[in-house]
Amino acid sequence: MKILMITGDFVEDYENMVPFQALQAVGYQVDAVCPNKKAGDVIATAIHDFEGHQTYTEKPGHNFTLNADFSAASADDYDGLYLPGGRAPEYLRLDENVIGLIKAFADTNKPIASICHGPQLLSAANIITGKRISAYPACKPEIILAGAEYVSVEMDQAVTDGNLVTAPAWPAHPEFLKQFIALLNKA
């Protein structure tokens, strides 16, 4: 099975690296793409953490090498979609091609997993109306404005509603990936 991962500069390091590697480790082909970049290009990641402040801090993460071209990505070629969080979704949601690709996965009811700020992309694609969605708490207003029910769960939990799996942050990886893989296996 093939999974498309749409990522970008200043994606959350853990939410990019860990699922990319974990999904490969259990046998999936994962193609990581970014608009206006091609296979072999690098994106910068960021590490977001709480250190006693009212919001998270941001530090440079690893450089991540893309392994596929965004321009060649088609929902028809993939069994599922993964959207990591961090700061990348805030600019990726402005790209009409990204939004069109997300809608194509939703229109065919393929499994979509999105974590942290990744659900900003789901909101922008207008595919969450009436759905139960988790996300990083700062995304709650736009989840609600998009017509979804924001589900507040512990940072290590995830929510599945139909073909969507969402979670608030990287501590949810074990549960989040388990639920995503369960959807992929049903497809």
C-alpha atoms as a PDB file:
ATOM      1  CA  MET A   1       0.000   0.000   0.000  1.00  0.00           C
ATOM      2  CA  LYS A   2       1.092   3.539  -0.741  1.00  0.00           C
ATOM      3  CA  ILE A   3       0.641   6.578   1.475  1.00  0.00           C
ATOM      4  CA  LEU A   4       1.101  10.187   0.431  1.00  0.00           C
ATOM      5  CA  MET A   5       2.514  12.588   3.023  1.00  0.00           C
ATOM      6  CA  ILE A   6       2.104  16.301   2.271  1.00  0.00           C
ATOM      7  CA  THR A   7       4.673  18.203   4.291  1.00  0.00           C
ATOM      8  CA  GLY A   8       6.541  21.491   4.205  1.00  0.00           C
ATOM      9  CA  ASP A   9       9.069  23.780   5.808  1.00  0.00           C
ATOM     10  CA  PHE A  10       8.868  23.975   9.594  1.00  0.00           C
ATOM     11  CA  VAL A  11       6.676  20.928   9.937  1.00  0.00           C
ATOM     12  CA  GLU A  12       6.911  19.493  13.456  1.00  0.00           C
ATOM     13  CA  ASP A  13      10.009  17.282  13.365  1.00  0.00           C
ATOM     14  CA  TYR A  14       8.545  14.329  15.302  1.00  0.00           C
ATOM     15  CA  GLU A  15       5.247  14.426  13.393  1.00  0.00           C
ATOM     16  CA  ASN A  16       7.157  14.281  10.130  1.00  0.00           C
ATOM     17  CA  MET A  17       9.967  11.841  10.916  1.00  0.00           C
ATOM     18  CA  VAL A  18       8.310   9.296  13.208  1.00  0.00           C
ATOM     19  CA  PRO A  19       5.213   8.423  11.101  1.00  0.00           C
ATOM     20  CA  PHE A  20       7.286   8.514   7.902  1.00  0.00           C
ATOM     21  CA  GLN A  21       9.651   5.892   9.308  1.00  0.00           C
ATOM     22  CA  ALA A  22       7.089   3.908  11.340  1.00  0.00           C
ATOM     23  CA  LEU A  23       4.737   3.441   8.388  1.00  0.00           C
ATOM     24  CA  GLN A  24       7.653   2.276   6.257  1.00  0.00           C
ATOM     25  CA  ALA A  25       8.741  -0.113   9.009  1.00  0.00           C
ATOM     26  CA  VAL A  26       5.376  -1.895   8.874  1.00  0.00           C
ATOM     27  CA  GLY A  27       5.493  -2.229   5.093  1.00  0.00           C
ATOM     28  CA  TYR A  28       3.885   0.866   3.573  1.00  0.00           C
ATOM     29  CA  GLN A  29       5.496   2.917   0.837  1.00  0.00           C
ATOM     30  CA  VAL A  30       5.400   6.544   2.009  1.00  0.00           C
ATOM     31  CA  ASP A  31       5.950   9.309  -0.546  1.00  0.00           C
ATOM     32  CA  ALA A  32       6.782  12.632   1.117  1.00  0.00           C
ATOM     33  CA  VAL A  33       6.031  15.664  -1.055  1.00  0.00           C
ATOM     34  CA  CYS A  34       5.981  19.442  -0.750  1.00  0.00           C
ATOM     35  CA  PRO A  35       4.584  21.971  -3.241  1.00  0.00           C
ATOM     36  CA  ASN A  36       7.196  23.541  -5.515  1.00  0.00           C
ATOM     37  CA  LYS A  37       9.783  20.947  -4.494  1.00  0.00           C
ATOM     38  CA  LYS A  38      10.853  17.652  -5.973  1.00  0.00           C
ATOM     39  CA  ALA A  39      12.403  14.387  -4.831  1.00  0.00           C
ATOM     40  CA  GLY A  40      15.815  15.064  -3.341  1.00  0.00           C
ATOM     41  CA  ASP A  41      14.930  18.577  -2.155  1.00  0.00           C
ATOM     42  CA  VAL A  42      15.126  19.280   1.564  1.00  0.00           C
ATOM     43  CA  ILE A  43      12.644  20.868   3.956  1.00  0.00           C
ATOM     44  CA  ALA A  44      13.491  22.281   7.373  1.00  0.00           C
ATOM     45  CA  THR A  45      11.678  20.837  10.372  1.00  0.00           C
ATOM     46  CA  ALA A  46      11.122  22.411  13.782  1.00  0.00           C
ATOM     47  CA  ILE A  47      10.859  21.038  17.287  1.00  0.00           C
ATOM     48  CA  HIS A  48       8.024  22.543  19.302  1.00  0.00           C
ATOM     49  CA  ASP A  49       8.005  22.020  23.039  1.00  0.00           C
ATOM     50  CA  PHE A  50       6.630  23.409  26.283  1.00  0.00           C
ATOM     51  CA  GLU A  51       9.191  24.825  28.654  1.00  0.00           C
ATOM     52  CA  GLY A  52       7.094  26.634  31.230  1.00  0.00           C
ATOM     53  CA  HIS A  53       5.737  29.353  28.924  1.00  0.00           C
ATOM     54  CA  GLN A  54       2.129  29.965  27.962  1.00  0.00           C
ATOM     55  CA  THR A  55       2.791  28.566  24.498  1.00  0.00           C
ATOM     56  CA  TYR A  56       5.354  26.344  22.874  1.00  0.00           C
ATOM     57  CA  THR A  57       8.868  27.308  21.818  1.00  0.00           C
ATOM     58  CA  GLU A  58      10.361  26.478  18.440  1.00  0.00           C
ATOM     59  CA  LYS A  59      13.854  25.220  17.728  1.00  0.00           C
ATOM     60  CA  PRO A  60      15.475  23.956  14.527  1.00  0.00           C
ATOM     61  CA  GLY A  61      14.874  20.278  13.865  1.00  0.00           C
ATOM     62  CA  HIS A  62      16.392  17.946  11.315  1.00  0.00           C
ATOM     63  CA  ASN A  63      16.550  18.566   7.612  1.00  0.00           C
ATOM     64  CA  PHE A  64      14.258  16.117   5.831  1.00  0.00           C
ATOM     65  CA  THR A  65      14.784  14.952   2.257  1.00  0.00           C
ATOM     66  CA  LEU A  66      11.653  14.566   0.152  1.00  0.00           C
ATOM     67  CA  ASN A  67      11.401  11.329  -1.803  1.00  0.00           C
ATOM     68  CA  ALA A  68       8.749  12.205  -4.410  1.00  0.00           C
ATOM     69  CA  ASP A  69       7.544  15.137  -6.529  1.00  0.00           C
ATOM     70  CA  PHE A  70       4.425  17.034  -5.472  1.00  0.00           C
ATOM     71  CA  SER A  71       3.642  17.845  -9.101  1.00  0.00           C
ATOM     72  CA  ALA A  72       3.253  14.134  -9.894  1.00  0.00           C
ATOM     73  CA  ALA A  73       1.086  13.284  -6.857  1.00  0.00           C
ATOM     74  CA  SER A  74      -2.436  12.049  -7.562  1.00  0.00           C
ATOM     75  CA  ALA A  75      -4.910  10.612  -5.057  1.00  0.00           C
ATOM     76  CA  ASP A  76      -5.558   7.824  -7.583  1.00  0.00           C
ATOM     77  CA  ASP A  77      -2.044   6.491  -6.937  1.00  0.00           C
ATOM     78  CA  TYR A  78      -2.366   6.225  -3.137  1.00  0.00           C
ATOM     79  CA  ASP A  79      -4.294   4.285  -0.528  1.00  0.00           C
ATOM     80  CA  GLY A  80      -4.111   6.947   2.186  1.00  0.00           C
ATOM     81  CA  LEU A  81      -3.007  10.472   3.069  1.00  0.00           C
ATOM     82  CA  TYR A  82      -0.958  11.701   6.032  1.00  0.00           C
ATOM     83  CA  LEU A  83      -0.826  15.389   7.054  1.00  0.00           C
ATOM     84  CA  PRO A  84       1.676  16.269   9.815  1.00  0.00           C
ATOM     85  CA  GLY A  85       1.453  19.396  11.946  1.00  0.00           C
ATOM     86  CA  GLY A  86       3.764  22.148  13.063  1.00  0.00           C
ATOM     87  CA  ARG A  87       3.836  25.425  11.167  1.00  0.00           C
ATOM     88  CA  ALA A  88       3.765  23.977   7.643  1.00  0.00           C
ATOM     89  CA  PRO A  89      -0.046  23.627   7.468  1.00  0.00           C
ATOM     90  CA  GLU A  90      -0.530  27.377   7.935  1.00  0.00           C
ATOM     91  CA  TYR A  91       1.060  28.078   4.556  1.00  0.00           C
ATOM     92  CA  LEU A  92       0.230  24.808   2.802  1.00  0.00           C
ATOM     93  CA  ARG A  93      -3.487  25.532   3.250  1.00  0.00           C
ATOM     94  CA  LEU A  94      -3.082  28.552   0.969  1.00  0.00           C
ATOM     95  CA  ASP A  95      -2.011  26.348  -1.952  1.00  0.00           C
ATOM     96  CA  GLU A  96      -4.990  25.432  -4.168  1.00  0.00           C
ATOM     97  CA  ASN A  97      -3.218  22.318  -5.438  1.00  0.00           C
ATOM     98  CA  VAL A  98      -2.707  21.032  -1.886  1.00  0.00           C
ATOM     99  CA  ILE A  99      -6.377  21.651  -1.094  1.00  0.00           C
ATOM    100  CA  GLY A 100      -7.464  19.964  -4.332  1.00  0.00           C
ATOM    101  CA  LEU A 101      -5.371  16.907  -3.537  1.00  0.00           C
ATOM    102  CA  ILE A 102      -6.823  16.629  -0.018  1.00  0.00           C
ATOM    103  CA  LYS A 103     -10.352  16.932  -1.433  1.00  0.00           C
ATOM    104  CA  ALA A 104      -9.593  14.155  -3.925  1.00  0.00           C
ATOM    105  CA  PHE A 105      -8.702  11.794  -1.059  1.00  0.00           C
ATOM    106  CA  ALA A 106     -11.849  12.816   0.830  1.00  0.00           C
ATOM    107  CA  ASP A 107     -14.075  12.450  -2.255  1.00  0.00           C
ATOM    108  CA  THR A 108     -12.947   8.842  -2.667  1.00  0.00           C
ATOM    109  CA  ASN A 109     -13.267   8.159   1.090  1.00  0.00           C
ATOM    110  CA  LYS A 110      -9.627   7.109   1.404  1.00  0.00           C
ATOM    111  CA  PRO A 111      -8.104   7.120   4.909  1.00  0.00           C
ATOM    112  CA  ILE A 112      -6.698  10.494   5.963  1.00  0.00           C
ATOM    113  CA  ALA A 113      -4.611  10.981   9.108  1.00  0.00           C
ATOM    114  CA  SER A 114      -3.856  14.458  10.406  1.00  0.00           C
ATOM    115  CA  ILE A 115      -2.145  15.510  13.627  1.00  0.00           C
ATOM    116  CA  CYS A 116      -1.562  18.700  15.637  1.00  0.00           C
ATOM    117  CA  HIS A 117      -1.952  21.698  13.279  1.00  0.00           C
ATOM    118  CA  GLY A 118      -2.499  19.355  10.304  1.00  0.00           C
ATOM    119  CA  PRO A 119      -6.289  19.636  10.677  1.00  0.00           C
ATOM    120  CA  GLN A 120      -5.915  23.251   9.513  1.00  0.00           C
ATOM    121  CA  LEU A 121      -5.580  21.642   6.088  1.00  0.00           C
ATOM    122  CA  LEU A 122      -8.747  19.611   6.618  1.00  0.00           C
ATOM    123  CA  SER A 123     -10.597  22.810   7.581  1.00  0.00           C
ATOM    124  CA  ALA A 124      -9.280  24.674   4.549  1.00  0.00           C
ATOM    125  CA  ALA A 125     -10.353  21.795   2.303  1.00  0.00           C
ATOM    126  CA  ASN A 126     -13.851  22.040   3.791  1.00  0.00           C
ATOM    127  CA  ILE A 127     -14.093  18.293   4.436  1.00  0.00           C
ATOM    128  CA  ILE A 128     -14.813  18.144   8.173  1.00  0.00           C
ATOM    129  CA  THR A 129     -18.346  19.493   8.493  1.00  0.00           C
ATOM    130  CA  GLY A 130     -20.232  17.276  10.934  1.00  0.00           C
ATOM    131  CA  LYS A 131     -17.113  15.280  11.857  1.00  0.00           C
ATOM    132  CA  ARG A 132     -15.496  14.731  15.259  1.00  0.00           C
ATOM    133  CA  ILE A 133     -11.981  16.183  14.975  1.00  0.00           C
ATOM    134  CA  SER A 134      -9.070  16.458  17.383  1.00  0.00           C
ATOM    135  CA  ALA A 135      -6.171  18.830  16.834  1.00  0.00           C
ATOM    136  CA  TYR A 136      -3.732  20.917  18.778  1.00  0.00           C
ATOM    137  CA  PRO A 137      -5.918  23.065  21.089  1.00  0.00           C
ATOM    138  CA  ALA A 138      -4.910  26.306  19.330  1.00  0.00           C
ATOM    139  CA  CYS A 139      -6.749  24.983  16.244  1.00  0.00           C
ATOM    140  CA  LYS A 140     -10.054  24.557  18.087  1.00  0.00           C
ATOM    141  CA  PRO A 141     -11.661  27.799  16.796  1.00  0.00           C
ATOM    142  CA  GLU A 142     -11.108  26.981  13.133  1.00  0.00           C
ATOM    143  CA  ILE A 143     -12.212  23.366  13.596  1.00  0.00           C
ATOM    144  CA  ILE A 144     -15.503  24.651  15.037  1.00  0.00           C
ATOM    145  CA  LEU A 145     -15.832  27.375  12.370  1.00  0.00           C
ATOM    146  CA  ALA A 146     -15.421  24.646   9.727  1.00  0.00           C
ATOM    147  CA  GLY A 147     -18.532  22.948  11.122  1.00  0.00           C
ATOM    148  CA  ALA A 148     -16.845  20.107  12.979  1.00  0.00           C
ATOM    149  CA  GLU A 149     -17.034  19.078  16.604  1.00  0.00           C
ATOM    150  CA  TYR A 150     -13.687  19.751  18.274  1.00  0.00           C
ATOM    151  CA  VAL A 151     -12.828  16.754  20.465  1.00  0.00           C
ATOM    152  CA  SER A 152     -10.522  17.525  23.356  1.00  0.00           C
ATOM    153  CA  VAL A 153      -8.530  14.415  24.228  1.00  0.00           C
ATOM    154  CA  GLU A 154      -5.342  13.788  26.160  1.00  0.00           C
ATOM    155  CA  MET A 155      -2.161  14.455  24.167  1.00  0.00           C
ATOM    156  CA  ASP A 156      -1.588  10.706  23.796  1.00  0.00           C
ATOM    157  CA  GLN A 157      -5.014   9.912  22.340  1.00  0.00           C
ATOM    158  CA  ALA A 158      -6.530   9.993  18.850  1.00  0.00           C
ATOM    159  CA  VAL A 159     -10.012  10.169  17.326  1.00  0.00           C
ATOM    160  CA  THR A 160     -11.375   8.283  14.319  1.00  0.00           C
ATOM    161  CA  ASP A 161     -14.504   9.498  12.528  1.00  0.00           C
ATOM    162  CA  GLY A 162     -15.263   7.789   9.238  1.00  0.00           C
ATOM    163  CA  ASN A 163     -12.159   7.966   7.060  1.00  0.00           C
ATOM    164  CA  LEU A 164     -10.435  10.592   9.270  1.00  0.00           C
ATOM    165  CA  VAL A 165      -7.979   9.990  12.105  1.00  0.00           C
ATOM    166  CA  THR A 166      -6.893  13.058  14.072  1.00  0.00           C
ATOM    167  CA  ALA A 167      -4.833  13.713  17.192  1.00  0.00           C
ATOM    168  CA  PRO A 168      -3.579  16.714  19.179  1.00  0.00           C
ATOM    169  CA  ALA A 169       0.207  16.162  19.095  1.00  0.00           C
ATOM    170  CA  TRP A 170       3.081  13.734  18.635  1.00  0.00           C
ATOM    171  CA  PRO A 171       2.676  11.968  22.022  1.00  0.00           C
ATOM    172  CA  ALA A 172      -0.388  10.362  20.364  1.00  0.00           C
ATOM    173  CA  HIS A 173       1.713   8.593  17.717  1.00  0.00           C
ATOM    174  CA  PRO A 174       1.134   5.033  19.041  1.00  0.00           C
ATOM    175  CA  GLU A 175      -2.656   5.387  19.193  1.00  0.00           C
ATOM    176  CA  PHE A 176      -2.861   7.663  16.134  1.00  0.00           C
ATOM    177  CA  LEU A 177      -0.845   5.325  13.916  1.00  0.00           C
ATOM    178  CA  LYS A 178      -2.708   2.268  15.211  1.00  0.00           C
ATOM    179  CA  GLN A 179      -6.030   3.853  14.218  1.00  0.00           C
ATOM    180  CA  PHE A 180      -4.690   5.007  10.830  1.00  0.00           C
ATOM    181  CA  ILE A 181      -3.312   1.550  10.042  1.00  0.00           C
ATOM    182  CA  ALA A 182      -6.660  -0.007  11.022  1.00  0.00           C
ATOM    183  CA  LEU A 183      -8.391   2.259   8.456  1.00  0.00           C
ATOM    184  CA  LEU A 184      -5.800   1.434   5.795  1.00  0.00           C
ATOM    185  CA  ASN A 185      -6.316  -2.289   6.399  1.00  0.00           C
ATOM    186  CA  LYS A 186     -10.086  -1.897   5.921  1.00  0.00           C
ATOM    187  CA  ALA A 187      -9.689  -0.012   2.632  1.00  0.00           C
END
